[in-house]
Amino acid sequence: METVAGNPAPESQPVFATRGVVITPADLTLNWPERAKRARLTTIALHPFPRNVIEFVRTRDGEMFLDTCRELGLQVEFELHAMADLLPRTHFDTRPEFFRMNDDGERTPDANLCVHSRGALDFVAANALEVARILKPSTGRYYFWGDDGLPWCQCPKCREFPDADQALLLENFLAQALAAFDERAQLAHLAYVNTLTPPSIVKPDPRVFLEFAPIRRKFDVPLNDPDCAENKEHLELLDANLKVFPAETAQVLEYWLDCSLFSNWREPHVKLPWSEAVLQADLDEYGARGIRHITTFAVYLDAHYLQTYGEPPIASYGQALADWRPR
């Protein structure tokens, strides 16, 4: 076995450098840091918006969570649908040119921004730095995503750029701004829904890494299932993205533990349809491509879930990641 750098590594050292979960503050009714540590996970990321995560970390419970993670040697990140906070919609009346144009040629505050407005880029970057000062990840890896699966700008300058390229234009700008604040800073390019097709015009800044989130795949069969067209398409899109972004920094954001997805993001929460066989097969696909950063949403795995359905499969997930070896 070899490390990413090509140097021999002891068999006991996990291949996946990041073995994580993405949860919300509300999920911390379950003692996540302790469970993550026992499961040999490396990283807990908080989600979904800057405003609610900032509110949480400023509470006593938030301080205790961060302190516990430090004591246990767990990394903390913040994976955020950020654009509505970085460019508040209340500014539309005074700065409509900051906002996207829709297909009818009208400026609208419904989603994202105009990435060819230098004023909008400067405004978003300034607010991103303010958030970063409060939510500074222990890894140096930042996640300031666009609005959740929503469209980007169709103004005369932007419309020539597909959504993934518009996202990358913004990410390149933010990565440079963050580097002046944090010399370790890297920023995620979220390949997800309308940005799943790789950028074709814009080249990524070296500080921008791929984050691949295949939310529309089929979860009851592995990605490499020969009879599943959806999963085959996702693997093809992953490979296309890996021609643009390096595999060694790329991260997979999966949904194996995401009770919120399987509950359709509403009550009542369902029991997680856990399949270790699917997980193992998927890890083979990701690991064979040189990806070494793996995480999953684990939203709704909280005290209520524990009481209703019993222990969630956190330990099985962590063990699979820690024990995985190239085949």
C-alpha atoms as a PDB file:
ATOM      1  CA  MET A   1       0.000   0.000   0.000  1.00  0.00           C
ATOM      2  CA  GLU A   2       1.178   3.551  -0.717  1.00  0.00           C
ATOM      3  CA  THR A   3       0.241   6.966   0.520  1.00  0.00           C
ATOM      4  CA  VAL A   4      -0.975   9.672  -1.858  1.00  0.00           C
ATOM      5  CA  ALA A   5       2.561  11.021  -2.028  1.00  0.00           C
ATOM      6  CA  GLY A   6       3.826   7.601  -3.098  1.00  0.00           C
ATOM      7  CA  ASN A   7       5.677   6.696   0.095  1.00  0.00           C
ATOM      8  CA  PRO A   8       5.092   3.349   1.795  1.00  0.00           C
ATOM      9  CA  ALA A   9       2.527   3.474   4.587  1.00  0.00           C
ATOM     10  CA  PRO A  10       1.973   1.031   7.410  1.00  0.00           C
ATOM     11  CA  GLU A  11      -0.911  -1.347   6.941  1.00  0.00           C
ATOM     12  CA  SER A  12      -2.591   0.067  10.033  1.00  0.00           C
ATOM     13  CA  GLN A  13      -2.798   3.575   8.584  1.00  0.00           C
ATOM     14  CA  PRO A  14      -6.166   4.197   6.870  1.00  0.00           C
ATOM     15  CA  VAL A  15      -6.033   5.002   3.167  1.00  0.00           C
ATOM     16  CA  PHE A  16      -8.835   7.564   3.396  1.00  0.00           C
ATOM     17  CA  ALA A  17      -7.352  10.682   4.983  1.00  0.00           C
ATOM     18  CA  THR A  18     -10.784  12.225   5.602  1.00  0.00           C
ATOM     19  CA  ARG A  19     -13.433   9.952   7.095  1.00  0.00           C
ATOM     20  CA  GLY A  20     -16.269  12.231   8.008  1.00  0.00           C
ATOM     21  CA  VAL A  21     -19.890  13.077   8.624  1.00  0.00           C
ATOM     22  CA  VAL A  22     -21.923  16.199   7.902  1.00  0.00           C
ATOM     23  CA  ILE A  23     -24.625  16.973  10.485  1.00  0.00           C
ATOM     24  CA  THR A  24     -26.641  19.917  11.780  1.00  0.00           C
ATOM     25  CA  PRO A  25     -26.469  21.428  15.279  1.00  0.00           C
ATOM     26  CA  ALA A  26     -29.849  19.830  16.014  1.00  0.00           C
ATOM     27  CA  ASP A  27     -28.316  16.375  15.520  1.00  0.00           C
ATOM     28  CA  LEU A  28     -25.957  16.933  18.446  1.00  0.00           C
ATOM     29  CA  THR A  29     -28.571  15.583  20.852  1.00  0.00           C
ATOM     30  CA  LEU A  30     -26.658  12.415  19.966  1.00  0.00           C
ATOM     31  CA  ASN A  31     -23.160  12.514  21.449  1.00  0.00           C
ATOM     32  CA  TRP A  32     -21.578  12.731  18.021  1.00  0.00           C
ATOM     33  CA  PRO A  33     -17.963  13.555  18.959  1.00  0.00           C
ATOM     34  CA  GLU A  34     -17.635  10.504  21.165  1.00  0.00           C
ATOM     35  CA  ARG A  35     -19.326   8.226  18.623  1.00  0.00           C
ATOM     36  CA  ALA A  36     -17.197   9.638  15.797  1.00  0.00           C
ATOM     37  CA  LYS A  37     -14.011   9.042  17.761  1.00  0.00           C
ATOM     38  CA  ARG A  38     -14.969   5.440  18.571  1.00  0.00           C
ATOM     39  CA  ALA A  39     -15.789   4.875  14.902  1.00  0.00           C
ATOM     40  CA  ARG A  40     -12.317   6.112  13.868  1.00  0.00           C
ATOM     41  CA  LEU A  41     -13.781   9.044  11.984  1.00  0.00           C
ATOM     42  CA  THR A  42     -11.559  12.078  11.502  1.00  0.00           C
ATOM     43  CA  THR A  43     -13.979  14.893  10.818  1.00  0.00           C
ATOM     44  CA  ILE A  44     -17.358  16.338  11.798  1.00  0.00           C
ATOM     45  CA  ALA A  45     -18.780  19.113   9.607  1.00  0.00           C
ATOM     46  CA  LEU A  46     -21.687  21.348  10.582  1.00  0.00           C
ATOM     47  CA  HIS A  47     -24.435  22.294   8.129  1.00  0.00           C
ATOM     48  CA  PRO A  48     -26.560  23.923   6.587  1.00  0.00           C
ATOM     49  CA  PHE A  49     -26.316  27.774   6.640  1.00  0.00           C
ATOM     50  CA  PRO A  50     -23.733  30.230   8.000  1.00  0.00           C
ATOM     51  CA  ARG A  51     -26.292  32.043  10.125  1.00  0.00           C
ATOM     52  CA  ASN A  52     -27.551  29.047  12.077  1.00  0.00           C
ATOM     53  CA  VAL A  53     -24.102  27.475  12.508  1.00  0.00           C
ATOM     54  CA  ILE A  54     -22.668  30.785  13.771  1.00  0.00           C
ATOM     55  CA  GLU A  55     -25.572  31.088  16.184  1.00  0.00           C
ATOM     56  CA  PHE A  56     -24.828  27.584  17.474  1.00  0.00           C
ATOM     57  CA  VAL A  57     -21.059  27.922  17.942  1.00  0.00           C
ATOM     58  CA  ARG A  58     -21.643  31.087  19.981  1.00  0.00           C
ATOM     59  CA  THR A  59     -23.754  29.168  22.513  1.00  0.00           C
ATOM     60  CA  ARG A  60     -22.419  27.231  25.473  1.00  0.00           C
ATOM     61  CA  ASP A  61     -23.382  23.970  23.737  1.00  0.00           C
ATOM     62  CA  GLY A  62     -21.478  25.083  20.656  1.00  0.00           C
ATOM     63  CA  GLU A  63     -18.394  25.920  22.675  1.00  0.00           C
ATOM     64  CA  MET A  64     -18.582  22.538  24.404  1.00  0.00           C
ATOM     65  CA  PHE A  65     -18.893  20.758  21.038  1.00  0.00           C
ATOM     66  CA  LEU A  66     -15.800  22.506  19.663  1.00  0.00           C
ATOM     67  CA  ASP A  67     -13.859  21.892  22.882  1.00  0.00           C
ATOM     68  CA  THR A  68     -14.781  18.206  22.888  1.00  0.00           C
ATOM     69  CA  CYS A  69     -13.715  17.784  19.261  1.00  0.00           C
ATOM     70  CA  ARG A  70     -10.345  19.391  20.040  1.00  0.00           C
ATOM     71  CA  GLU A  71      -9.854  17.159  23.069  1.00  0.00           C
ATOM     72  CA  LEU A  72     -10.680  14.052  21.034  1.00  0.00           C
ATOM     73  CA  GLY A  73      -8.488  15.078  18.102  1.00  0.00           C
ATOM     74  CA  LEU A  74     -11.433  15.442  15.705  1.00  0.00           C
ATOM     75  CA  GLN A  75     -11.303  17.940  12.858  1.00  0.00           C
ATOM     76  CA  VAL A  76     -14.218  20.372  12.503  1.00  0.00           C
ATOM     77  CA  GLU A  77     -15.421  21.805   9.199  1.00  0.00           C
ATOM     78  CA  PHE A  78     -18.457  23.795   8.063  1.00  0.00           C
ATOM     79  CA  GLU A  79     -20.287  22.719   4.892  1.00  0.00           C
ATOM     80  CA  LEU A  80     -22.617  25.571   4.059  1.00  0.00           C
ATOM     81  CA  HIS A  81     -25.291  26.599   1.579  1.00  0.00           C
ATOM     82  CA  ALA A  82     -23.907  30.092   1.872  1.00  0.00           C
ATOM     83  CA  MET A  83     -25.024  32.395  -0.908  1.00  0.00           C
ATOM     84  CA  ALA A  84     -28.231  33.729   0.652  1.00  0.00           C
ATOM     85  CA  ASP A  85     -26.181  34.771   3.691  1.00  0.00           C
ATOM     86  CA  LEU A  86     -23.170  36.093   1.787  1.00  0.00           C
ATOM     87  CA  LEU A  87     -25.426  38.184  -0.470  1.00  0.00           C
ATOM     88  CA  PRO A  88     -28.575  38.888   1.584  1.00  0.00           C
ATOM     89  CA  ARG A  89     -31.663  39.344  -0.575  1.00  0.00           C
ATOM     90  CA  THR A  90     -32.498  42.536   1.274  1.00  0.00           C
ATOM     91  CA  HIS A  91     -29.843  44.284  -0.852  1.00  0.00           C
ATOM     92  CA  PHE A  92     -31.775  43.690  -4.076  1.00  0.00           C
ATOM     93  CA  ASP A  93     -33.580  47.044  -4.026  1.00  0.00           C
ATOM     94  CA  THR A  94     -30.332  49.028  -3.815  1.00  0.00           C
ATOM     95  CA  ARG A  95     -27.964  46.699  -5.731  1.00  0.00           C
ATOM     96  CA  PRO A  96     -30.031  44.776  -8.301  1.00  0.00           C
ATOM     97  CA  GLU A  97     -26.965  44.400 -10.556  1.00  0.00           C
ATOM     98  CA  PHE A  98     -25.417  42.117  -7.931  1.00  0.00           C
ATOM     99  CA  PHE A  99     -28.144  39.533  -8.479  1.00  0.00           C
ATOM    100  CA  ARG A 100     -28.726  37.013 -11.208  1.00  0.00           C
ATOM    101  CA  MET A 101     -30.770  37.578 -14.348  1.00  0.00           C
ATOM    102  CA  ASN A 102     -33.412  34.969 -15.143  1.00  0.00           C
ATOM    103  CA  ASP A 103     -34.371  33.528 -18.519  1.00  0.00           C
ATOM    104  CA  ASP A 104     -36.815  36.424 -19.083  1.00  0.00           C
ATOM    105  CA  GLY A 105     -34.023  38.992 -18.807  1.00  0.00           C
ATOM    106  CA  GLU A 106     -35.088  40.216 -15.375  1.00  0.00           C
ATOM    107  CA  ARG A 107     -32.842  40.658 -12.355  1.00  0.00           C
ATOM    108  CA  THR A 108     -34.124  38.564  -9.460  1.00  0.00           C
ATOM    109  CA  PRO A 109     -33.044  37.877  -5.874  1.00  0.00           C
ATOM    110  CA  ASP A 110     -34.300  34.290  -5.977  1.00  0.00           C
ATOM    111  CA  ALA A 111     -30.893  32.562  -6.108  1.00  0.00           C
ATOM    112  CA  ASN A 112     -27.126  32.981  -6.242  1.00  0.00           C
ATOM    113  CA  LEU A 113     -25.669  36.121  -7.893  1.00  0.00           C
ATOM    114  CA  CYS A 114     -24.267  37.629 -11.079  1.00  0.00           C
ATOM    115  CA  VAL A 115     -20.694  36.364 -11.226  1.00  0.00           C
ATOM    116  CA  HIS A 116     -19.747  39.030 -13.781  1.00  0.00           C
ATOM    117  CA  SER A 117     -20.596  41.797 -11.326  1.00  0.00           C
ATOM    118  CA  ARG A 118     -17.300  42.751  -9.667  1.00  0.00           C
ATOM    119  CA  GLY A 119     -19.274  44.538  -6.986  1.00  0.00           C
ATOM    120  CA  ALA A 120     -21.155  41.337  -6.188  1.00  0.00           C
ATOM    121  CA  LEU A 121     -17.934  39.314  -6.032  1.00  0.00           C
ATOM    122  CA  ASP A 122     -16.294  41.824  -3.687  1.00  0.00           C
ATOM    123  CA  PHE A 123     -19.407  41.939  -1.492  1.00  0.00           C
ATOM    124  CA  VAL A 124     -19.652  38.148  -1.246  1.00  0.00           C
ATOM    125  CA  ALA A 125     -15.925  37.772  -0.581  1.00  0.00           C
ATOM    126  CA  ALA A 126     -16.000  40.331   2.225  1.00  0.00           C
ATOM    127  CA  ASN A 127     -18.871  38.518   3.893  1.00  0.00           C
ATOM    128  CA  ALA A 128     -17.200  35.136   3.356  1.00  0.00           C
ATOM    129  CA  LEU A 129     -14.151  36.408   5.234  1.00  0.00           C
ATOM    130  CA  GLU A 130     -16.362  37.567   8.096  1.00  0.00           C
ATOM    131  CA  VAL A 131     -17.903  34.097   8.284  1.00  0.00           C
ATOM    132  CA  ALA A 132     -14.472  32.456   8.022  1.00  0.00           C
ATOM    133  CA  ARG A 133     -13.222  34.406  11.033  1.00  0.00           C
ATOM    134  CA  ILE A 134     -15.961  32.796  13.117  1.00  0.00           C
ATOM    135  CA  LEU A 135     -16.245  29.424  11.362  1.00  0.00           C
ATOM    136  CA  LYS A 136     -12.593  28.647  10.678  1.00  0.00           C
ATOM    137  CA  PRO A 137     -12.198  24.954   9.835  1.00  0.00           C
ATOM    138  CA  SER A 138      -9.407  23.119  11.603  1.00  0.00           C
ATOM    139  CA  THR A 139      -8.429  21.528   8.265  1.00  0.00           C
ATOM    140  CA  GLY A 140      -8.178  24.699   6.170  1.00  0.00           C
ATOM    141  CA  ARG A 141     -10.874  23.308   3.861  1.00  0.00           C
ATOM    142  CA  TYR A 142     -13.779  25.737   3.357  1.00  0.00           C
ATOM    143  CA  TYR A 143     -17.241  25.107   1.898  1.00  0.00           C
ATOM    144  CA  PHE A 144     -19.174  28.145   0.680  1.00  0.00           C
ATOM    145  CA  TRP A 145     -21.694  26.557  -1.656  1.00  0.00           C
ATOM    146  CA  GLY A 146     -24.212  28.213  -3.932  1.00  0.00           C
ATOM    147  CA  ASP A 147     -27.913  28.103  -3.155  1.00  0.00           C
ATOM    148  CA  ASP A 148     -29.208  24.543  -2.953  1.00  0.00           C
ATOM    149  CA  GLY A 149     -29.557  23.281  -6.535  1.00  0.00           C
ATOM    150  CA  LEU A 150     -30.831  26.665  -7.757  1.00  0.00           C
ATOM    151  CA  PRO A 151     -29.984  28.344 -11.077  1.00  0.00           C
ATOM    152  CA  TRP A 152     -27.213  30.802 -11.790  1.00  0.00           C
ATOM    153  CA  CYS A 153     -27.180  33.967 -13.900  1.00  0.00           C
ATOM    154  CA  GLN A 154     -28.428  34.401 -17.478  1.00  0.00           C
ATOM    155  CA  CYS A 155     -27.261  37.965 -18.095  1.00  0.00           C
ATOM    156  CA  PRO A 156     -25.491  38.626 -21.438  1.00  0.00           C
ATOM    157  CA  LYS A 157     -22.048  38.057 -19.868  1.00  0.00           C
ATOM    158  CA  CYS A 158     -22.940  35.063 -17.698  1.00  0.00           C
ATOM    159  CA  ARG A 159     -25.181  33.100 -20.036  1.00  0.00           C
ATOM    160  CA  GLU A 160     -22.223  31.797 -22.035  1.00  0.00           C
ATOM    161  CA  PHE A 161     -20.995  30.083 -18.875  1.00  0.00           C
ATOM    162  CA  PRO A 162     -22.743  26.884 -17.678  1.00  0.00           C
ATOM    163  CA  ASP A 163     -23.749  26.770 -14.031  1.00  0.00           C
ATOM    164  CA  ALA A 164     -20.630  24.818 -13.005  1.00  0.00           C
ATOM    165  CA  ASP A 165     -18.395  27.408 -14.680  1.00  0.00           C
ATOM    166  CA  GLN A 166     -20.236  30.257 -12.970  1.00  0.00           C
ATOM    167  CA  ALA A 167     -19.809  28.511  -9.627  1.00  0.00           C
ATOM    168  CA  LEU A 168     -16.106  28.037 -10.337  1.00  0.00           C
ATOM    169  CA  LEU A 169     -15.643  31.689 -11.299  1.00  0.00           C
ATOM    170  CA  LEU A 170     -16.952  32.607  -7.865  1.00  0.00           C
ATOM    171  CA  GLU A 171     -14.953  29.881  -6.121  1.00  0.00           C
ATOM    172  CA  ASN A 172     -11.694  30.988  -7.734  1.00  0.00           C
ATOM    173  CA  PHE A 173     -12.354  34.528  -6.525  1.00  0.00           C
ATOM    174  CA  LEU A 174     -13.210  33.383  -3.009  1.00  0.00           C
ATOM    175  CA  ALA A 175     -10.206  31.055  -2.844  1.00  0.00           C
ATOM    176  CA  GLN A 176      -7.860  33.949  -3.502  1.00  0.00           C
ATOM    177  CA  ALA A 177      -9.589  36.077  -0.872  1.00  0.00           C
ATOM    178  CA  LEU A 178      -9.460  33.270   1.697  1.00  0.00           C
ATOM    179  CA  ALA A 179      -5.768  32.625   1.034  1.00  0.00           C
ATOM    180  CA  ALA A 180      -4.951  36.136   2.241  1.00  0.00           C
ATOM    181  CA  PHE A 181      -6.716  35.276   5.511  1.00  0.00           C
ATOM    182  CA  ASP A 182      -5.678  31.628   5.937  1.00  0.00           C
ATOM    183  CA  GLU A 183      -2.543  30.423   4.169  1.00  0.00           C
ATOM    184  CA  ARG A 184      -3.847  26.833   4.292  1.00  0.00           C
ATOM    185  CA  ALA A 185      -7.178  27.751   2.728  1.00  0.00           C
ATOM    186  CA  GLN A 186      -8.714  25.479   0.127  1.00  0.00           C
ATOM    187  CA  LEU A 187     -12.276  25.870  -1.154  1.00  0.00           C
ATOM    188  CA  ALA A 188     -14.739  23.265  -2.389  1.00  0.00           C
ATOM    189  CA  HIS A 189     -16.246  23.244  -5.850  1.00  0.00           C
ATOM    190  CA  LEU A 190     -19.550  21.466  -5.220  1.00  0.00           C
ATOM    191  CA  ALA A 191     -20.485  19.139  -8.091  1.00  0.00           C
ATOM    192  CA  TYR A 192     -24.156  18.687  -7.304  1.00  0.00           C
ATOM    193  CA  VAL A 193     -27.454  18.742  -9.249  1.00  0.00           C
ATOM    194  CA  ASN A 194     -27.016  21.603 -11.767  1.00  0.00           C
ATOM    195  CA  THR A 195     -23.229  21.812 -11.273  1.00  0.00           C
ATOM    196  CA  LEU A 196     -22.601  18.078 -11.593  1.00  0.00           C
ATOM    197  CA  THR A 197     -21.372  18.434 -15.174  1.00  0.00           C
ATOM    198  CA  PRO A 198     -17.755  19.617 -14.937  1.00  0.00           C
ATOM    199  CA  PRO A 199     -16.680  23.160 -15.821  1.00  0.00           C
ATOM    200  CA  SER A 200     -15.755  23.420 -19.480  1.00  0.00           C
ATOM    201  CA  ILE A 201     -14.549  27.036 -19.759  1.00  0.00           C
ATOM    202  CA  VAL A 202     -13.083  28.115 -16.424  1.00  0.00           C
ATOM    203  CA  LYS A 203      -9.955  26.468 -15.006  1.00  0.00           C
ATOM    204  CA  PRO A 204      -9.838  25.904 -11.246  1.00  0.00           C
ATOM    205  CA  ASP A 205      -7.491  27.814  -8.999  1.00  0.00           C
ATOM    206  CA  PRO A 206      -5.074  25.296  -7.412  1.00  0.00           C
ATOM    207  CA  ARG A 207      -6.732  26.018  -4.051  1.00  0.00           C
ATOM    208  CA  VAL A 208     -10.136  24.817  -5.314  1.00  0.00           C
ATOM    209  CA  PHE A 209     -10.892  21.128  -4.822  1.00  0.00           C
ATOM    210  CA  LEU A 210     -13.703  18.968  -6.150  1.00  0.00           C
ATOM    211  CA  GLU A 211     -16.540  17.969  -3.847  1.00  0.00           C
ATOM    212  CA  PHE A 212     -18.708  15.375  -5.581  1.00  0.00           C
ATOM    213  CA  ALA A 213     -22.229  14.991  -4.137  1.00  0.00           C
ATOM    214  CA  PRO A 214     -24.320  12.443  -6.098  1.00  0.00           C
ATOM    215  CA  ILE A 215     -27.704  13.109  -4.499  1.00  0.00           C
ATOM    216  CA  ARG A 216     -29.679  11.782  -7.482  1.00  0.00           C
ATOM    217  CA  ARG A 217     -27.989   8.393  -7.668  1.00  0.00           C
ATOM    218  CA  LYS A 218     -29.765   5.181  -6.669  1.00  0.00           C
ATOM    219  CA  PHE A 219     -28.839   4.158  -3.137  1.00  0.00           C
ATOM    220  CA  ASP A 220     -30.171   0.606  -3.010  1.00  0.00           C
ATOM    221  CA  VAL A 221     -27.505  -0.597  -5.462  1.00  0.00           C
ATOM    222  CA  PRO A 222     -23.807   0.280  -5.794  1.00  0.00           C
ATOM    223  CA  LEU A 223     -22.549   2.931  -8.144  1.00  0.00           C
ATOM    224  CA  ASN A 224     -21.064   0.232 -10.375  1.00  0.00           C
ATOM    225  CA  ASP A 225     -24.302  -1.758 -10.705  1.00  0.00           C
ATOM    226  CA  PRO A 226     -24.363  -2.704 -14.415  1.00  0.00           C
ATOM    227  CA  ASP A 227     -28.141  -2.414 -14.639  1.00  0.00           C
ATOM    228  CA  CYS A 228     -28.461   1.063 -13.079  1.00  0.00           C
ATOM    229  CA  ALA A 229     -28.262   3.831 -15.664  1.00  0.00           C
ATOM    230  CA  GLU A 230     -28.436   6.609 -13.062  1.00  0.00           C
ATOM    231  CA  ASN A 231     -25.418   5.315 -11.191  1.00  0.00           C
ATOM    232  CA  LYS A 232     -23.451   4.698 -14.359  1.00  0.00           C
ATOM    233  CA  GLU A 233     -24.088   8.310 -15.368  1.00  0.00           C
ATOM    234  CA  HIS A 234     -22.850   9.541 -11.988  1.00  0.00           C
ATOM    235  CA  LEU A 235     -19.618   7.575 -12.302  1.00  0.00           C
ATOM    236  CA  GLU A 236     -19.099   9.011 -15.770  1.00  0.00           C
ATOM    237  CA  LEU A 237     -19.650  12.535 -14.409  1.00  0.00           C
ATOM    238  CA  LEU A 238     -17.220  11.843 -11.570  1.00  0.00           C
ATOM    239  CA  ASP A 239     -14.591  10.737 -14.063  1.00  0.00           C
ATOM    240  CA  ALA A 240     -15.213  13.831 -16.172  1.00  0.00           C
ATOM    241  CA  ASN A 241     -14.793  16.055 -13.113  1.00  0.00           C
ATOM    242  CA  LEU A 242     -11.563  14.268 -12.216  1.00  0.00           C
ATOM    243  CA  LYS A 243     -10.152  15.376 -15.561  1.00  0.00           C
ATOM    244  CA  VAL A 244     -10.576  18.967 -14.338  1.00  0.00           C
ATOM    245  CA  PHE A 245      -9.771  18.612 -10.621  1.00  0.00           C
ATOM    246  CA  PRO A 246      -7.018  16.487  -9.027  1.00  0.00           C
ATOM    247  CA  ALA A 247      -8.132  13.255  -7.383  1.00  0.00           C
ATOM    248  CA  GLU A 248      -5.773  13.633  -4.430  1.00  0.00           C
ATOM    249  CA  THR A 249      -7.640  16.683  -3.084  1.00  0.00           C
ATOM    250  CA  ALA A 250     -11.116  15.619  -4.254  1.00  0.00           C
ATOM    251  CA  GLN A 251     -13.776  14.823  -1.683  1.00  0.00           C
ATOM    252  CA  VAL A 252     -16.878  12.669  -2.011  1.00  0.00           C
ATOM    253  CA  LEU A 253     -19.945  13.885  -0.131  1.00  0.00           C
ATOM    254  CA  GLU A 254     -22.260  10.896   0.006  1.00  0.00           C
ATOM    255  CA  TYR A 255     -25.643  10.120   1.563  1.00  0.00           C
ATOM    256  CA  TRP A 256     -25.167   6.624   3.002  1.00  0.00           C
ATOM    257  CA  LEU A 257     -26.093   7.822   6.527  1.00  0.00           C
ATOM    258  CA  ASP A 258     -28.425  10.654   5.514  1.00  0.00           C
ATOM    259  CA  CYS A 259     -31.660   9.880   7.302  1.00  0.00           C
ATOM    260  CA  SER A 260     -32.974  13.305   6.238  1.00  0.00           C
ATOM    261  CA  LEU A 261     -32.749  12.359   2.555  1.00  0.00           C
ATOM    262  CA  PHE A 262     -34.487   9.026   3.062  1.00  0.00           C
ATOM    263  CA  SER A 263     -37.136  10.779   5.197  1.00  0.00           C
ATOM    264  CA  ASN A 264     -37.682  13.313   2.399  1.00  0.00           C
ATOM    265  CA  TRP A 265     -36.547  16.040   4.844  1.00  0.00           C
ATOM    266  CA  ARG A 266     -39.652  15.835   7.000  1.00  0.00           C
ATOM    267  CA  GLU A 267     -41.219  14.077   9.970  1.00  0.00           C
ATOM    268  CA  PRO A 268     -41.644  11.276  10.747  1.00  0.00           C
ATOM    269  CA  HIS A 269     -38.034  10.215  10.344  1.00  0.00           C
ATOM    270  CA  VAL A 270     -37.679   6.770   8.776  1.00  0.00           C
ATOM    271  CA  LYS A 271     -35.200   4.075   9.687  1.00  0.00           C
ATOM    272  CA  LEU A 272     -32.031   4.411   7.649  1.00  0.00           C
ATOM    273  CA  PRO A 273     -31.958   1.855   4.792  1.00  0.00           C
ATOM    274  CA  TRP A 274     -28.374   0.918   5.568  1.00  0.00           C
ATOM    275  CA  SER A 275     -26.419  -1.380   3.226  1.00  0.00           C
ATOM    276  CA  GLU A 276     -22.818  -2.164   4.072  1.00  0.00           C
ATOM    277  CA  ALA A 277     -22.472  -4.019   0.768  1.00  0.00           C
ATOM    278  CA  VAL A 278     -23.363  -0.858  -1.158  1.00  0.00           C
ATOM    279  CA  LEU A 279     -20.940   1.165   0.964  1.00  0.00           C
ATOM    280  CA  GLN A 280     -18.073  -1.268   0.398  1.00  0.00           C
ATOM    281  CA  ALA A 281     -18.630  -1.378  -3.368  1.00  0.00           C
ATOM    282  CA  ASP A 282     -18.848   2.412  -3.547  1.00  0.00           C
ATOM    283  CA  LEU A 283     -15.628   2.796  -1.559  1.00  0.00           C
ATOM    284  CA  ASP A 284     -13.936   0.525  -4.088  1.00  0.00           C
ATOM    285  CA  GLU A 285     -15.036   2.822  -6.901  1.00  0.00           C
ATOM    286  CA  TYR A 286     -13.978   6.005  -5.150  1.00  0.00           C
ATOM    287  CA  GLY A 287     -10.751   4.588  -3.757  1.00  0.00           C
ATOM    288  CA  ALA A 288      -9.680   3.127  -7.103  1.00  0.00           C
ATOM    289  CA  ARG A 289      -9.885   6.624  -8.573  1.00  0.00           C
ATOM    290  CA  GLY A 290      -7.409   7.960  -6.028  1.00  0.00           C
ATOM    291  CA  ILE A 291      -9.974   9.810  -3.930  1.00  0.00           C
ATOM    292  CA  ARG A 292      -8.814   9.989  -0.327  1.00  0.00           C
ATOM    293  CA  HIS A 293     -11.413  12.270   1.275  1.00  0.00           C
ATOM    294  CA  ILE A 294     -14.790  10.683   2.037  1.00  0.00           C
ATOM    295  CA  THR A 295     -17.706  12.027   4.027  1.00  0.00           C
ATOM    296  CA  THR A 296     -21.461  11.529   4.209  1.00  0.00           C
ATOM    297  CA  PHE A 297     -24.466  13.462   5.372  1.00  0.00           C
ATOM    298  CA  ALA A 298     -25.787  11.966   8.618  1.00  0.00           C
ATOM    299  CA  VAL A 299     -28.613  14.387   9.321  1.00  0.00           C
ATOM    300  CA  TYR A 300     -31.480  13.237  11.621  1.00  0.00           C
ATOM    301  CA  LEU A 301     -29.227  10.703  13.340  1.00  0.00           C
ATOM    302  CA  ASP A 302     -29.983  12.210  16.719  1.00  0.00           C
ATOM    303  CA  ALA A 303     -31.291  11.201  20.135  1.00  0.00           C
ATOM    304  CA  HIS A 304     -34.786  10.719  18.720  1.00  0.00           C
ATOM    305  CA  TYR A 305     -33.437   8.318  16.102  1.00  0.00           C
ATOM    306  CA  LEU A 306     -31.547   6.374  18.765  1.00  0.00           C
ATOM    307  CA  GLN A 307     -34.655   6.069  20.918  1.00  0.00           C
ATOM    308  CA  THR A 308     -36.884   5.070  17.988  1.00  0.00           C
ATOM    309  CA  TYR A 309     -34.683   2.761  15.929  1.00  0.00           C
ATOM    310  CA  GLY A 310     -31.673   1.943  18.072  1.00  0.00           C
ATOM    311  CA  GLU A 311     -28.016   2.554  17.400  1.00  0.00           C
ATOM    312  CA  PRO A 312     -27.366   4.042  13.940  1.00  0.00           C
ATOM    313  CA  PRO A 313     -24.645   2.352  11.857  1.00  0.00           C
ATOM    314  CA  ILE A 314     -21.960   4.952  12.584  1.00  0.00           C
ATOM    315  CA  ALA A 315     -19.457   2.365  13.802  1.00  0.00           C
ATOM    316  CA  SER A 316     -19.958   0.167  10.711  1.00  0.00           C
ATOM    317  CA  TYR A 317     -19.469   3.175   8.444  1.00  0.00           C
ATOM    318  CA  GLY A 318     -16.322   4.281  10.231  1.00  0.00           C
ATOM    319  CA  GLN A 319     -14.833   0.799  10.313  1.00  0.00           C
ATOM    320  CA  ALA A 320     -15.432   0.319   6.576  1.00  0.00           C
ATOM    321  CA  LEU A 321     -13.599   3.564   5.803  1.00  0.00           C
ATOM    322  CA  ALA A 322     -10.750   2.896   8.212  1.00  0.00           C
ATOM    323  CA  ASP A 323     -10.231  -0.689   7.001  1.00  0.00           C
ATOM    324  CA  TRP A 324     -10.537  -0.074   3.251  1.00  0.00           C
ATOM    325  CA  ARG A 325      -7.561  -1.084   1.153  1.00  0.00           C
ATOM    326  CA  PRO A 326      -7.037  -1.061  -2.633  1.00  0.00           C
ATOM    327  CA  ARG A 327      -8.075  -4.325  -4.236  1.00  0.00           C
END
